[in-house]
Amino acid sequence: MRLNITIDDDQAAAVAERATEAHCTRVEWIRRAVSAALDTGLYRIGTLDVPAPVPAPCGDVQNIDDLHTQIDGLRAAIDTLKGENLMLEQDRTEALLRVSEGEKEIAILNRLLTEKRDEVSWLRGQVALLNDKLTPPALPERAGHRWWKFWKK
């Protein structure tokens, strides 16, 4: 969690000085100071006269070889991740090409579907015209005779 605090300039200078002595950043020194104060319980809210303990140094300077080993391991991990990132980027490029091809195919199929719809509509119109030609003309009805019986007299 991030916190914002306001401290006096003198206190900020003292924190910077102690962080430099401990070979760590000011943020790390403040984090350790808060942890130490909470762990020991010496510093309580409202009891400003009780000083909190000074945090331990941020790291052992004697373990430089261990740090170099860790750095080499991290560099190897970074190289591995770069290789994986390159493979993922290639996969992404291939996927984008497939999507592009799919979009083109969809556009072609939509165009064909529209053409077929137009063709069906035209055919329906032609069928309607043929139906109009096949319907017998309206004849006046005589009593007892229906127009579909016009061949009988």
C-alpha atoms as a PDB file:
ATOM      1  CA  MET A   1       0.000   0.000   0.000  1.00  0.00           C
ATOM      2  CA  ARG A   2       1.274   3.465  -0.775  1.00  0.00           C
ATOM      3  CA  LEU A   3       1.092   6.191   1.850  1.00  0.00           C
ATOM      4  CA  ASN A   4       1.786   9.897   1.668  1.00  0.00           C
ATOM      5  CA  ILE A   5       3.269  11.623   4.683  1.00  0.00           C
ATOM      6  CA  THR A   6       4.423  15.148   5.381  1.00  0.00           C
ATOM      7  CA  ILE A   7       7.584  15.626   7.433  1.00  0.00           C
ATOM      8  CA  ASP A   8       9.752  18.613   8.245  1.00  0.00           C
ATOM      9  CA  ASP A   9      12.783  19.387   6.121  1.00  0.00           C
ATOM     10  CA  ASP A  10      15.107  18.599   9.049  1.00  0.00           C
ATOM     11  CA  GLN A  11      13.516  15.173   9.452  1.00  0.00           C
ATOM     12  CA  ALA A  12      13.749  14.534   5.693  1.00  0.00           C
ATOM     13  CA  ALA A  13      17.463  15.370   5.781  1.00  0.00           C
ATOM     14  CA  ALA A  14      17.982  13.044   8.766  1.00  0.00           C
ATOM     15  CA  VAL A  15      16.134  10.232   6.973  1.00  0.00           C
ATOM     16  CA  ALA A  16      18.263  10.755   3.867  1.00  0.00           C
ATOM     17  CA  GLU A  17      21.462  10.730   5.950  1.00  0.00           C
ATOM     18  CA  ARG A  18      20.538   7.547   7.820  1.00  0.00           C
ATOM     19  CA  ALA A  19      19.428   5.846   4.608  1.00  0.00           C
ATOM     20  CA  THR A  20      22.786   6.661   3.036  1.00  0.00           C
ATOM     21  CA  GLU A  21      24.586   5.220   6.074  1.00  0.00           C
ATOM     22  CA  ALA A  22      22.471   2.055   5.791  1.00  0.00           C
ATOM     23  CA  HIS A  23      23.188   1.811   2.030  1.00  0.00           C
ATOM     24  CA  CYS A  24      19.519   1.860   1.005  1.00  0.00           C
ATOM     25  CA  THR A  25      16.925   4.271  -0.321  1.00  0.00           C
ATOM     26  CA  ARG A  26      14.939   6.649   1.848  1.00  0.00           C
ATOM     27  CA  VAL A  27      11.727   4.752   1.080  1.00  0.00           C
ATOM     28  CA  GLU A  28      13.294   1.451   2.137  1.00  0.00           C
ATOM     29  CA  TRP A  29      14.702   3.018   5.322  1.00  0.00           C
ATOM     30  CA  ILE A  30      11.294   4.503   6.235  1.00  0.00           C
ATOM     31  CA  ARG A  31       9.590   1.159   5.505  1.00  0.00           C
ATOM     32  CA  ARG A  32      12.039  -0.642   7.786  1.00  0.00           C
ATOM     33  CA  ALA A  33      11.671   2.018  10.492  1.00  0.00           C
ATOM     34  CA  VAL A  34       7.893   1.631  10.462  1.00  0.00           C
ATOM     35  CA  SER A  35       8.200  -2.169  10.535  1.00  0.00           C
ATOM     36  CA  ALA A  36      10.647  -2.050  13.435  1.00  0.00           C
ATOM     37  CA  ALA A  37       8.427   0.373  15.342  1.00  0.00           C
ATOM     38  CA  LEU A  38       5.357  -1.789  14.830  1.00  0.00           C
ATOM     39  CA  ASP A  39       7.210  -5.015  15.696  1.00  0.00           C
ATOM     40  CA  THR A  40       8.668  -3.692  18.957  1.00  0.00           C
ATOM     41  CA  GLY A  41       5.633  -1.658  19.974  1.00  0.00           C
ATOM     42  CA  LEU A  42       7.776   1.131  21.437  1.00  0.00           C
ATOM     43  CA  TYR A  43       6.244   3.854  19.300  1.00  0.00           C
ATOM     44  CA  ARG A  44       2.554   4.436  19.839  1.00  0.00           C
ATOM     45  CA  ILE A  45       0.279   7.065  18.355  1.00  0.00           C
ATOM     46  CA  GLY A  46       0.113  10.021  20.717  1.00  0.00           C
ATOM     47  CA  THR A  47       3.381   9.079  22.450  1.00  0.00           C
ATOM     48  CA  LEU A  48       5.763  11.111  20.380  1.00  0.00           C
ATOM     49  CA  ASP A  49       8.338  11.340  23.168  1.00  0.00           C
ATOM     50  CA  VAL A  50       9.167   7.606  22.888  1.00  0.00           C
ATOM     51  CA  PRO A  51      11.625   7.200  19.986  1.00  0.00           C
ATOM     52  CA  ALA A  52      11.240   4.356  17.564  1.00  0.00           C
ATOM     53  CA  PRO A  53      14.256   2.094  17.122  1.00  0.00           C
ATOM     54  CA  VAL A  54      16.580   2.712  14.198  1.00  0.00           C
ATOM     55  CA  PRO A  55      16.088   0.051  11.558  1.00  0.00           C
ATOM     56  CA  ALA A  56      18.800  -2.439  10.765  1.00  0.00           C
ATOM     57  CA  PRO A  57      21.017  -1.834   7.737  1.00  0.00           C
ATOM     58  CA  CYS A  58      19.345  -2.654   4.445  1.00  0.00           C
ATOM     59  CA  GLY A  59      21.798  -5.331   3.421  1.00  0.00           C
ATOM     60  CA  ASP A  60      25.064  -6.983   4.255  1.00  0.00           C
ATOM     61  CA  VAL A  61      27.875  -5.377   2.326  1.00  0.00           C
ATOM     62  CA  GLN A  62      29.986  -8.502   2.893  1.00  0.00           C
ATOM     63  CA  ASN A  63      27.754 -10.658   0.704  1.00  0.00           C
ATOM     64  CA  ILE A  64      28.740  -9.009  -2.583  1.00  0.00           C
ATOM     65  CA  ASP A  65      29.507 -12.381  -4.164  1.00  0.00           C
ATOM     66  CA  ASP A  66      25.968 -13.526  -3.341  1.00  0.00           C
ATOM     67  CA  LEU A  67      24.612 -10.372  -4.916  1.00  0.00           C
ATOM     68  CA  HIS A  68      26.663 -10.963  -8.061  1.00  0.00           C
ATOM     69  CA  THR A  69      25.330 -14.519  -8.217  1.00  0.00           C
ATOM     70  CA  GLN A  70      21.785 -13.235  -7.839  1.00  0.00           C
ATOM     71  CA  ILE A  71      22.394 -10.615 -10.522  1.00  0.00           C
ATOM     72  CA  ASP A  72      23.699 -13.286 -12.931  1.00  0.00           C
ATOM     73  CA  GLY A  73      20.649 -15.435 -12.210  1.00  0.00           C
ATOM     74  CA  LEU A  74      18.338 -12.486 -12.808  1.00  0.00           C
ATOM     75  CA  ARG A  75      20.117 -11.654 -16.063  1.00  0.00           C
ATOM     76  CA  ALA A  76      19.643 -15.249 -17.225  1.00  0.00           C
ATOM     77  CA  ALA A  77      15.971 -15.037 -16.299  1.00  0.00           C
ATOM     78  CA  ILE A  78      15.685 -11.768 -18.237  1.00  0.00           C
ATOM     79  CA  ASP A  79      17.260 -13.402 -21.306  1.00  0.00           C
ATOM     80  CA  THR A  80      14.802 -16.301 -21.034  1.00  0.00           C
ATOM     81  CA  LEU A  81      11.896 -13.880 -20.739  1.00  0.00           C
ATOM     82  CA  LYS A  82      13.134 -11.919 -23.746  1.00  0.00           C
ATOM     83  CA  GLY A  83      13.151 -15.145 -25.789  1.00  0.00           C
ATOM     84  CA  GLU A  84       9.633 -15.991 -24.622  1.00  0.00           C
ATOM     85  CA  ASN A  85       8.535 -12.434 -25.395  1.00  0.00           C
ATOM     86  CA  LEU A  86       9.923 -12.757 -28.927  1.00  0.00           C
ATOM     87  CA  MET A  87       8.031 -16.026 -29.458  1.00  0.00           C
ATOM     88  CA  LEU A  88       4.833 -14.465 -28.095  1.00  0.00           C
ATOM     89  CA  GLU A  89       5.275 -11.482 -30.408  1.00  0.00           C
ATOM     90  CA  GLN A  90       5.615 -13.837 -33.385  1.00  0.00           C
ATOM     91  CA  ASP A  91       2.483 -15.704 -32.280  1.00  0.00           C
ATOM     92  CA  ARG A  92       0.671 -12.381 -31.947  1.00  0.00           C
ATOM     93  CA  THR A  93       1.730 -11.368 -35.465  1.00  0.00           C
ATOM     94  CA  GLU A  94       0.502 -14.697 -36.874  1.00  0.00           C
ATOM     95  CA  ALA A  95      -2.794 -14.316 -35.013  1.00  0.00           C
ATOM     96  CA  LEU A  96      -3.255 -10.811 -36.397  1.00  0.00           C
ATOM     97  CA  LEU A  97      -2.651 -12.132 -39.927  1.00  0.00           C
ATOM     98  CA  ARG A  98      -5.241 -14.869 -39.382  1.00  0.00           C
ATOM     99  CA  VAL A  99      -7.723 -12.312 -38.080  1.00  0.00           C
ATOM    100  CA  SER A 100      -7.102 -10.134 -41.130  1.00  0.00           C
ATOM    101  CA  GLU A 101      -7.648 -13.092 -43.456  1.00  0.00           C
ATOM    102  CA  GLY A 102     -10.800 -14.037 -41.550  1.00  0.00           C
ATOM    103  CA  GLU A 103     -12.155 -10.504 -41.856  1.00  0.00           C
ATOM    104  CA  LYS A 104     -11.531 -10.606 -45.615  1.00  0.00           C
ATOM    105  CA  GLU A 105     -13.354 -13.933 -45.883  1.00  0.00           C
ATOM    106  CA  ILE A 106     -16.268 -12.562 -43.853  1.00  0.00           C
ATOM    107  CA  ALA A 107     -16.479  -9.532 -46.144  1.00  0.00           C
ATOM    108  CA  ILE A 108     -16.535 -11.818 -49.216  1.00  0.00           C
ATOM    109  CA  LEU A 109     -19.219 -14.048 -47.691  1.00  0.00           C
ATOM    110  CA  ASN A 110     -21.313 -11.022 -46.708  1.00  0.00           C
ATOM    111  CA  ARG A 111     -21.086  -9.718 -50.275  1.00  0.00           C
ATOM    112  CA  LEU A 112     -22.150 -13.110 -51.661  1.00  0.00           C
ATOM    113  CA  LEU A 113     -25.002 -13.286 -49.155  1.00  0.00           C
ATOM    114  CA  THR A 114     -26.202  -9.845 -50.219  1.00  0.00           C
ATOM    115  CA  GLU A 115     -26.058 -10.884 -53.892  1.00  0.00           C
ATOM    116  CA  LYS A 116     -28.077 -14.043 -53.144  1.00  0.00           C
ATOM    117  CA  ARG A 117     -30.654 -12.028 -51.194  1.00  0.00           C
ATOM    118  CA  ASP A 118     -30.991  -9.666 -54.163  1.00  0.00           C
ATOM    119  CA  GLU A 119     -31.337 -12.628 -56.511  1.00  0.00           C
ATOM    120  CA  VAL A 120     -34.051 -14.220 -54.330  1.00  0.00           C
ATOM    121  CA  SER A 121     -35.884 -10.897 -54.202  1.00  0.00           C
ATOM    122  CA  TRP A 122     -35.740 -10.600 -58.013  1.00  0.00           C
ATOM    123  CA  LEU A 123     -36.977 -14.187 -58.394  1.00  0.00           C
ATOM    124  CA  ARG A 124     -39.899 -13.495 -56.077  1.00  0.00           C
ATOM    125  CA  GLY A 125     -40.806 -10.514 -58.222  1.00  0.00           C
ATOM    126  CA  GLN A 126     -40.695 -12.684 -61.356  1.00  0.00           C
ATOM    127  CA  VAL A 127     -42.906 -15.304 -59.698  1.00  0.00           C
ATOM    128  CA  ALA A 128     -45.395 -12.584 -58.786  1.00  0.00           C
ATOM    129  CA  LEU A 129     -45.448 -11.426 -62.431  1.00  0.00           C
ATOM    130  CA  LEU A 130     -46.056 -14.975 -63.634  1.00  0.00           C
ATOM    131  CA  ASN A 131     -48.857 -15.426 -61.116  1.00  0.00           C
ATOM    132  CA  ASP A 132     -50.506 -12.280 -62.440  1.00  0.00           C
ATOM    133  CA  LYS A 133     -50.362 -13.695 -66.000  1.00  0.00           C
ATOM    134  CA  LEU A 134     -51.777 -17.079 -64.981  1.00  0.00           C
ATOM    135  CA  THR A 135     -54.750 -15.732 -63.038  1.00  0.00           C
ATOM    136  CA  PRO A 136     -57.885 -15.811 -65.191  1.00  0.00           C
ATOM    137  CA  PRO A 137     -59.419 -12.452 -65.863  1.00  0.00           C
ATOM    138  CA  ALA A 138     -62.248 -11.438 -63.622  1.00  0.00           C
ATOM    139  CA  LEU A 139     -65.534 -12.348 -65.253  1.00  0.00           C
ATOM    140  CA  PRO A 140     -68.874 -11.030 -64.150  1.00  0.00           C
ATOM    141  CA  GLU A 141     -70.747 -13.596 -62.108  1.00  0.00           C
ATOM    142  CA  ARG A 142     -74.088 -14.766 -63.218  1.00  0.00           C
ATOM    143  CA  ALA A 143     -76.579 -16.216 -60.876  1.00  0.00           C
ATOM    144  CA  GLY A 144     -75.687 -19.827 -60.251  1.00  0.00           C
ATOM    145  CA  HIS A 145     -72.456 -19.645 -62.270  1.00  0.00           C
ATOM    146  CA  ARG A 146     -69.031 -19.039 -60.906  1.00  0.00           C
ATOM    147  CA  TRP A 147     -66.254 -17.530 -62.953  1.00  0.00           C
ATOM    148  CA  TRP A 148     -64.131 -20.680 -62.736  1.00  0.00           C
ATOM    149  CA  LYS A 149     -66.874 -22.499 -64.529  1.00  0.00           C
ATOM    150  CA  PHE A 150     -66.734 -20.192 -67.515  1.00  0.00           C
ATOM    151  CA  TRP A 151     -66.271 -23.084 -69.960  1.00  0.00           C
ATOM    152  CA  LYS A 152     -69.648 -24.487 -69.026  1.00  0.00           C
ATOM    153  CA  LYS A 153     -72.585 -22.637 -70.484  1.00  0.00           C
END
